[in-house]
PDB file of all heavy atoms in Angstrom:
ATOM      1  N   ALA A   1      26.792 -34.382  15.697  1.00  0.00           N
ATOM      2  CA  ALA A   1      28.069 -33.693  15.519  1.00  0.00           C
ATOM      3  C   ALA A   1      27.884 -32.221  15.181  1.00  0.00           C
ATOM      4  O   ALA A   1      28.867 -31.522  14.929  1.00  0.00           O
ATOM      5  CB  ALA A   1      28.876 -34.372  14.416  1.00  0.00           C
ATOM      6  N   PHE A   2      26.640 -31.744  15.200  1.00  0.00           N
ATOM      7  CA  PHE A   2      26.423 -30.346  14.832  1.00  0.00           C
ATOM      8  C   PHE A   2      27.174 -29.437  15.798  1.00  0.00           C
ATOM      9  O   PHE A   2      27.462 -29.803  16.938  1.00  0.00           O
ATOM     10  CB  PHE A   2      24.928 -30.017  14.870  1.00  0.00           C
ATOM     11  CG  PHE A   2      24.428 -29.641  16.249  1.00  0.00           C
ATOM     12  CD1 PHE A   2      24.275 -28.318  16.617  1.00  0.00           C
ATOM     13  CD2 PHE A   2      24.123 -30.628  17.173  1.00  0.00           C
ATOM     14  CE1 PHE A   2      23.824 -27.974  17.885  1.00  0.00           C
ATOM     15  CE2 PHE A   2      23.659 -30.308  18.425  1.00  0.00           C
ATOM     16  CZ  PHE A   2      23.517 -28.979  18.795  1.00  0.00           C
ATOM     17  N   LYS A   3      27.479 -28.254  15.332  1.00  0.00           N
ATOM     18  CA  LYS A   3      28.207 -27.278  16.147  1.00  0.00           C
ATOM     19  C   LYS A   3      27.299 -26.108  16.483  1.00  0.00           C
ATOM     20  O   LYS A   3      26.854 -25.385  15.603  1.00  0.00           O
ATOM     21  CB  LYS A   3      29.453 -26.795  15.406  1.00  0.00           C
ATOM     22  CG  LYS A   3      30.486 -27.892  15.181  1.00  0.00           C
ATOM     23  CD  LYS A   3      31.721 -27.340  14.486  1.00  0.00           C
ATOM     24  CE  LYS A   3      32.765 -28.432  14.290  1.00  0.00           C
ATOM     25  NZ  LYS A   3      33.985 -27.924  13.624  1.00  0.00           N
ATOM     26  N   LEU A   4      27.059 -25.928  17.764  1.00  0.00           N
ATOM     27  CA  LEU A   4      26.272 -24.774  18.194  1.00  0.00           C
ATOM     28  C   LEU A   4      27.039 -23.484  18.010  1.00  0.00           C
ATOM     29  O   LEU A   4      26.457 -22.408  17.914  1.00  0.00           O
ATOM     30  CB  LEU A   4      25.855 -24.948  19.655  1.00  0.00           C
ATOM     31  CG  LEU A   4      24.893 -23.905  20.214  1.00  0.00           C
ATOM     32  CD1 LEU A   4      23.557 -23.960  19.476  1.00  0.00           C
ATOM     33  CD2 LEU A   4      24.688 -24.101  21.711  1.00  0.00           C
ATOM     34  N   ASP A   5      28.376 -23.617  17.923  1.00  0.00           N
ATOM     35  CA  ASP A   5      29.242 -22.447  17.815  1.00  0.00           C
ATOM     36  C   ASP A   5      28.890 -21.545  16.645  1.00  0.00           C
ATOM     37  O   ASP A   5      29.187 -20.357  16.665  1.00  0.00           O
ATOM     38  CB  ASP A   5      30.702 -22.898  17.632  1.00  0.00           C
ATOM     39  CG  ASP A   5      31.259 -23.521  18.886  1.00  0.00           C
ATOM     40  OD1 ASP A   5      30.574 -23.471  19.909  1.00  0.00           O
ATOM     41  OD2 ASP A   5      32.379 -24.043  18.828  1.00  0.00           O
ATOM     42  N   VAL A   6      28.313 -22.099  15.573  1.00  0.00           N
ATOM     43  CA  VAL A   6      28.078 -21.296  14.380  1.00  0.00           C
ATOM     44  C   VAL A   6      26.856 -20.404  14.517  1.00  0.00           C
ATOM     45  O   VAL A   6      26.574 -19.593  13.647  1.00  0.00           O
ATOM     46  CB  VAL A   6      27.936 -22.176  13.120  1.00  0.00           C
ATOM     47  CG1 VAL A   6      29.188 -23.011  12.915  1.00  0.00           C
ATOM     48  CG2 VAL A   6      26.708 -23.068  13.203  1.00  0.00           C
ATOM     49  N   TYR A   7      26.138 -20.570  15.611  1.00  0.00           N
ATOM     50  CA  TYR A   7      24.936 -19.789  15.835  1.00  0.00           C
ATOM     51  C   TYR A   7      25.151 -18.722  16.899  1.00  0.00           C
ATOM     52  O   TYR A   7      25.814 -18.965  17.913  1.00  0.00           O
ATOM     53  CB  TYR A   7      23.793 -20.682  16.310  1.00  0.00           C
ATOM     54  CG  TYR A   7      23.293 -21.669  15.296  1.00  0.00           C
ATOM     55  CD1 TYR A   7      23.829 -22.947  15.231  1.00  0.00           C
ATOM     56  CD2 TYR A   7      22.282 -21.325  14.400  1.00  0.00           C
ATOM     57  CE1 TYR A   7      23.365 -23.865  14.307  1.00  0.00           C
ATOM     58  CE2 TYR A   7      21.807 -22.238  13.478  1.00  0.00           C
ATOM     59  CZ  TYR A   7      22.356 -23.494  13.440  1.00  0.00           C
ATOM     60  OH  TYR A   7      21.891 -24.395  12.526  1.00  0.00           O
ATOM     61  N   ALA A   8      24.570 -17.565  16.665  1.00  0.00           N
ATOM     62  CA  ALA A   8      24.387 -16.617  17.758  1.00  0.00           C
ATOM     63  C   ALA A   8      23.138 -17.066  18.519  1.00  0.00           C
ATOM     64  O   ALA A   8      22.165 -17.532  17.911  1.00  0.00           O
ATOM     65  CB  ALA A   8      24.196 -15.212  17.218  1.00  0.00           C
ATOM     66  N   ILE A   9      23.172 -16.953  19.823  1.00  0.00           N
ATOM     67  CA  ILE A   9      22.042 -17.355  20.652  1.00  0.00           C
ATOM     68  C   ILE A   9      21.493 -16.144  21.379  1.00  0.00           C
ATOM     69  O   ILE A   9      22.257 -15.371  21.982  1.00  0.00           O
ATOM     70  CB  ILE A   9      22.450 -18.426  21.678  1.00  0.00           C
ATOM     71  CG1 ILE A   9      23.050 -19.646  20.976  1.00  0.00           C
ATOM     72  CG2 ILE A   9      21.240 -18.820  22.525  1.00  0.00           C
ATOM     73  CD1 ILE A   9      22.093 -20.373  20.061  1.00  0.00           C
ATOM     74  N   GLY A  10      20.199 -15.990  21.301  1.00  0.00           N
ATOM     75  CA  GLY A  10      19.553 -14.881  21.976  1.00  0.00           C
ATOM     76  C   GLY A  10      18.567 -15.369  23.030  1.00  0.00           C
ATOM     77  O   GLY A  10      18.013 -16.464  22.914  1.00  0.00           O
ATOM     78  N   TRP A  11      18.381 -14.554  24.039  1.00  0.00           N
ATOM     79  CA  TRP A  11      17.332 -14.776  25.027  1.00  0.00           C
ATOM     80  C   TRP A  11      16.291 -13.664  24.848  1.00  0.00           C
ATOM     81  O   TRP A  11      16.645 -12.483  24.746  1.00  0.00           O
ATOM     82  CB  TRP A  11      17.876 -14.729  26.457  1.00  0.00           C
ATOM     83  CG  TRP A  11      18.584 -15.974  26.877  1.00  0.00           C
ATOM     84  CD1 TRP A  11      19.923 -16.204  26.875  1.00  0.00           C
ATOM     85  CD2 TRP A  11      17.978 -17.169  27.373  1.00  0.00           C
ATOM     86  NE1 TRP A  11      20.200 -17.466  27.328  1.00  0.00           N
ATOM     87  CE2 TRP A  11      19.021 -18.092  27.642  1.00  0.00           C
ATOM     88  CE3 TRP A  11      16.663 -17.570  27.605  1.00  0.00           C
ATOM     89  CZ2 TRP A  11      18.783 -19.371  28.152  1.00  0.00           C
ATOM     90  CZ3 TRP A  11      16.426 -18.841  28.101  1.00  0.00           C
ATOM     91  CH2 TRP A  11      17.482 -19.730  28.372  1.00  0.00           C
ATOM     92  N   PHE A  12      15.047 -14.076  24.844  1.00  0.00           N
ATOM     93  CA  PHE A  12      13.937 -13.163  24.676  1.00  0.00           C
ATOM     94  C   PHE A  12      12.920 -13.450  25.775  1.00  0.00           C
ATOM     95  O   PHE A  12      12.953 -14.507  26.396  1.00  0.00           O
ATOM     96  CB  PHE A  12      13.282 -13.368  23.304  1.00  0.00           C
ATOM     97  CG  PHE A  12      14.218 -13.125  22.156  1.00  0.00           C
ATOM     98  CD1 PHE A  12      15.110 -14.105  21.742  1.00  0.00           C
ATOM     99  CD2 PHE A  12      14.223 -11.908  21.493  1.00  0.00           C
ATOM    100  CE1 PHE A  12      15.993 -13.884  20.696  1.00  0.00           C
ATOM    101  CE2 PHE A  12      15.091 -11.669  20.441  1.00  0.00           C
ATOM    102  CZ  PHE A  12      15.980 -12.663  20.049  1.00  0.00           C
ATOM    103  N   ARG A  13      12.023 -12.523  26.002  1.00  0.00           N
ATOM    104  CA  ARG A  13      10.983 -12.756  26.990  1.00  0.00           C
ATOM    105  C   ARG A  13       9.679 -12.120  26.536  1.00  0.00           C
ATOM    106  O   ARG A  13       9.675 -11.148  25.775  1.00  0.00           O
ATOM    107  CB  ARG A  13      11.396 -12.218  28.361  1.00  0.00           C
ATOM    108  CG  ARG A  13      11.536 -10.704  28.451  1.00  0.00           C
ATOM    109  CD  ARG A  13      12.107 -10.310  29.811  1.00  0.00           C
ATOM    110  NE  ARG A  13      12.232  -8.859  29.946  1.00  0.00           N
ATOM    111  CZ  ARG A  13      12.811  -8.269  30.994  1.00  0.00           C
ATOM    112  NH1 ARG A  13      13.323  -9.008  31.984  1.00  0.00           N
ATOM    113  NH2 ARG A  13      12.871  -6.955  31.053  1.00  0.00           N
ATOM    114  N   GLN A  14       8.604 -12.703  27.031  1.00  0.00           N
ATOM    115  CA  GLN A  14       7.287 -12.185  26.683  1.00  0.00           C
ATOM    116  C   GLN A  14       6.380 -12.257  27.896  1.00  0.00           C
ATOM    117  O   GLN A  14       6.138 -13.346  28.429  1.00  0.00           O
ATOM    118  CB  GLN A  14       6.676 -12.962  25.519  1.00  0.00           C
ATOM    119  CG  GLN A  14       5.390 -12.356  24.997  1.00  0.00           C
ATOM    120  CD  GLN A  14       4.980 -12.942  23.656  1.00  0.00           C
ATOM    121  OE1 GLN A  14       5.417 -14.025  23.265  1.00  0.00           O
ATOM    122  NE2 GLN A  14       4.133 -12.218  22.933  1.00  0.00           N
ATOM    123  N   ALA A  15       5.931 -11.111  28.345  1.00  0.00           N
ATOM    124  CA  ALA A  15       4.998 -11.025  29.459  1.00  0.00           C
ATOM    125  C   ALA A  15       3.577 -10.999  28.902  1.00  0.00           C
ATOM    126  O   ALA A  15       3.365 -10.611  27.744  1.00  0.00           O
ATOM    127  CB  ALA A  15       5.281  -9.777  30.278  1.00  0.00           C
ATOM    128  N   PRO A  16       2.593 -11.373  29.714  1.00  0.00           N
ATOM    129  CA  PRO A  16       1.204 -11.371  29.234  1.00  0.00           C
ATOM    130  C   PRO A  16       0.785 -10.010  28.697  1.00  0.00           C
ATOM    131  O   PRO A  16       1.018  -8.982  29.334  1.00  0.00           O
ATOM    132  CB  PRO A  16       0.409 -11.738  30.488  1.00  0.00           C
ATOM    133  CG  PRO A  16       1.364 -12.531  31.314  1.00  0.00           C
ATOM    134  CD  PRO A  16       2.702 -11.902  31.075  1.00  0.00           C
ATOM    135  N   GLY A  17       0.208 -10.006  27.507  1.00  0.00           N
ATOM    136  CA  GLY A  17      -0.265  -8.770  26.906  1.00  0.00           C
ATOM    137  C   GLY A  17       0.799  -7.895  26.302  1.00  0.00           C
ATOM    138  O   GLY A  17       0.504  -6.794  25.839  1.00  0.00           O
ATOM    139  N   LYS A  18       2.050  -8.375  26.305  1.00  0.00           N
ATOM    140  CA  LYS A  18       3.144  -7.568  25.758  1.00  0.00           C
ATOM    141  C   LYS A  18       3.817  -8.302  24.605  1.00  0.00           C
ATOM    142  O   LYS A  18       3.707  -9.521  24.466  1.00  0.00           O
ATOM    143  CB  LYS A  18       4.176  -7.245  26.839  1.00  0.00           C
ATOM    144  CG  LYS A  18       3.644  -6.350  27.947  1.00  0.00           C
ATOM    145  CD  LYS A  18       4.761  -5.932  28.889  1.00  0.00           C
ATOM    146  CE  LYS A  18       4.246  -4.966  29.943  1.00  0.00           C
ATOM    147  NZ  LYS A  18       5.332  -4.534  30.866  1.00  0.00           N
ATOM    148  N   GLU A  19       4.520  -7.548  23.795  1.00  0.00           N
ATOM    149  CA  GLU A  19       5.253  -8.155  22.697  1.00  0.00           C
ATOM    150  C   GLU A  19       6.522  -8.835  23.217  1.00  0.00           C
ATOM    151  O   GLU A  19       7.053  -8.464  24.266  1.00  0.00           O
ATOM    152  CB  GLU A  19       5.630  -7.079  21.671  1.00  0.00           C
ATOM    153  CG  GLU A  19       4.447  -6.484  20.930  1.00  0.00           C
ATOM    154  CD  GLU A  19       4.876  -5.570  19.813  1.00  0.00           C
ATOM    155  OE1 GLU A  19       6.091  -5.293  19.689  1.00  0.00           O
ATOM    156  OE2 GLU A  19       4.007  -5.116  19.058  1.00  0.00           O
ATOM    157  N   ARG A  20       6.982  -9.806  22.445  1.00  0.00           N
ATOM    158  CA  ARG A  20       8.229 -10.462  22.795  1.00  0.00           C
ATOM    159  C   ARG A  20       9.372  -9.469  22.614  1.00  0.00           C
ATOM    160  O   ARG A  20       9.429  -8.749  21.611  1.00  0.00           O
ATOM    161  CB  ARG A  20       8.444 -11.687  21.910  1.00  0.00           C
ATOM    162  CG  ARG A  20       9.535 -12.613  22.374  1.00  0.00           C
ATOM    163  CD  ARG A  20       9.507 -13.932  21.609  1.00  0.00           C
ATOM    164  NE  ARG A  20       8.266 -14.649  21.830  1.00  0.00           N
ATOM    165  CZ  ARG A  20       8.066 -15.908  21.420  1.00  0.00           C
ATOM    166  NH1 ARG A  20       9.027 -16.562  20.769  1.00  0.00           N
ATOM    167  NH2 ARG A  20       6.907 -16.496  21.632  1.00  0.00           N
ATOM    168  N   GLU A  21      10.272  -9.438  23.583  1.00  0.00           N
ATOM    169  CA  GLU A  21      11.369  -8.490  23.529  1.00  0.00           C
ATOM    170  C   GLU A  21      12.702  -9.195  23.744  1.00  0.00           C
ATOM    171  O   GLU A  21      12.794 -10.217  24.420  1.00  0.00           O
ATOM    172  CB  GLU A  21      11.195  -7.401  24.591  1.00  0.00           C
ATOM    173  CG  GLU A  21      11.222  -7.907  26.017  1.00  0.00           C
ATOM    174  CD  GLU A  21      11.173  -6.787  27.050  1.00  0.00           C
ATOM    175  OE1 GLU A  21      11.141  -5.606  26.667  1.00  0.00           O
ATOM    176  OE2 GLU A  21      11.168  -7.104  28.251  1.00  0.00           O
ATOM    177  N   GLY A  22      13.735  -8.605  23.153  1.00  0.00           N
ATOM    178  CA  GLY A  22      15.060  -9.147  23.320  1.00  0.00           C
ATOM    179  C   GLY A  22      15.641  -8.807  24.679  1.00  0.00           C
ATOM    180  O   GLY A  22      15.454  -7.689  25.185  1.00  0.00           O
ATOM    181  N   VAL A  23      16.313  -9.756  25.275  1.00  0.00           N
ATOM    182  CA  VAL A  23      16.938  -9.568  26.580  1.00  0.00           C
ATOM    183  C   VAL A  23      18.456  -9.516  26.443  1.00  0.00           C
ATOM    184  O   VAL A  23      19.107  -8.603  26.955  1.00  0.00           O
ATOM    185  CB  VAL A  23      16.544 -10.708  27.537  1.00  0.00           C
ATOM    186  CG1 VAL A  23      17.286 -10.594  28.862  1.00  0.00           C
ATOM    187  CG2 VAL A  23      15.029 -10.713  27.757  1.00  0.00           C
ATOM    188  N   SER A  24      19.004 -10.502  25.739  1.00  0.00           N
ATOM    189  CA  SER A  24      20.449 -10.597  25.620  1.00  0.00           C
ATOM    190  C   SER A  24      20.789 -11.535  24.473  1.00  0.00           C
ATOM    191  O   SER A  24      19.964 -12.352  24.074  1.00  0.00           O
ATOM    192  CB  SER A  24      21.041 -11.135  26.932  1.00  0.00           C
ATOM    193  OG  SER A  24      22.449 -11.240  26.857  1.00  0.00           O
ATOM    194  N   CYS A  25      21.995 -11.410  23.952  1.00  0.00           N
ATOM    195  CA  CYS A  25      22.456 -12.374  22.955  1.00  0.00           C
ATOM    196  C   CYS A  25      23.955 -12.520  23.062  1.00  0.00           C
ATOM    197  O   CYS A  25      24.654 -11.649  23.619  1.00  0.00           O
ATOM    198  CB  CYS A  25      22.038 -11.978  21.542  1.00  0.00           C
ATOM    199  SG  CYS A  25      22.808 -10.480  20.900  1.00  0.00           S
ATOM    200  N   ILE A  26      24.443 -13.628  22.514  1.00  0.00           N
ATOM    201  CA  ILE A  26      25.870 -13.909  22.514  1.00  0.00           C
ATOM    202  C   ILE A  26      26.231 -14.421  21.128  1.00  0.00           C
ATOM    203  O   ILE A  26      25.560 -15.289  20.572  1.00  0.00           O
ATOM    204  CB  ILE A  26      26.247 -14.909  23.627  1.00  0.00           C
ATOM    205  CG1 ILE A  26      27.759 -15.088  23.715  1.00  0.00           C
ATOM    206  CG2 ILE A  26      25.535 -16.241  23.448  1.00  0.00           C
ATOM    207  CD1 ILE A  26      28.197 -15.779  25.007  1.00  0.00           C
ATOM    208  N   GLY A  27      27.293 -13.848  20.555  1.00  0.00           N
ATOM    209  CA  GLY A  27      27.701 -14.201  19.212  1.00  0.00           C
ATOM    210  C   GLY A  27      28.371 -15.562  19.152  1.00  0.00           C
ATOM    211  O   GLY A  27      28.652 -16.188  20.178  1.00  0.00           O
TER     212      GLY A  27
END
């Protein structure tokens, strides 16, 4: 019964040899 609505969700990506970076998020 948990609600995902209470969380902001972000998408991140990480290429080889690079730091993880933010791509997009939704509140």
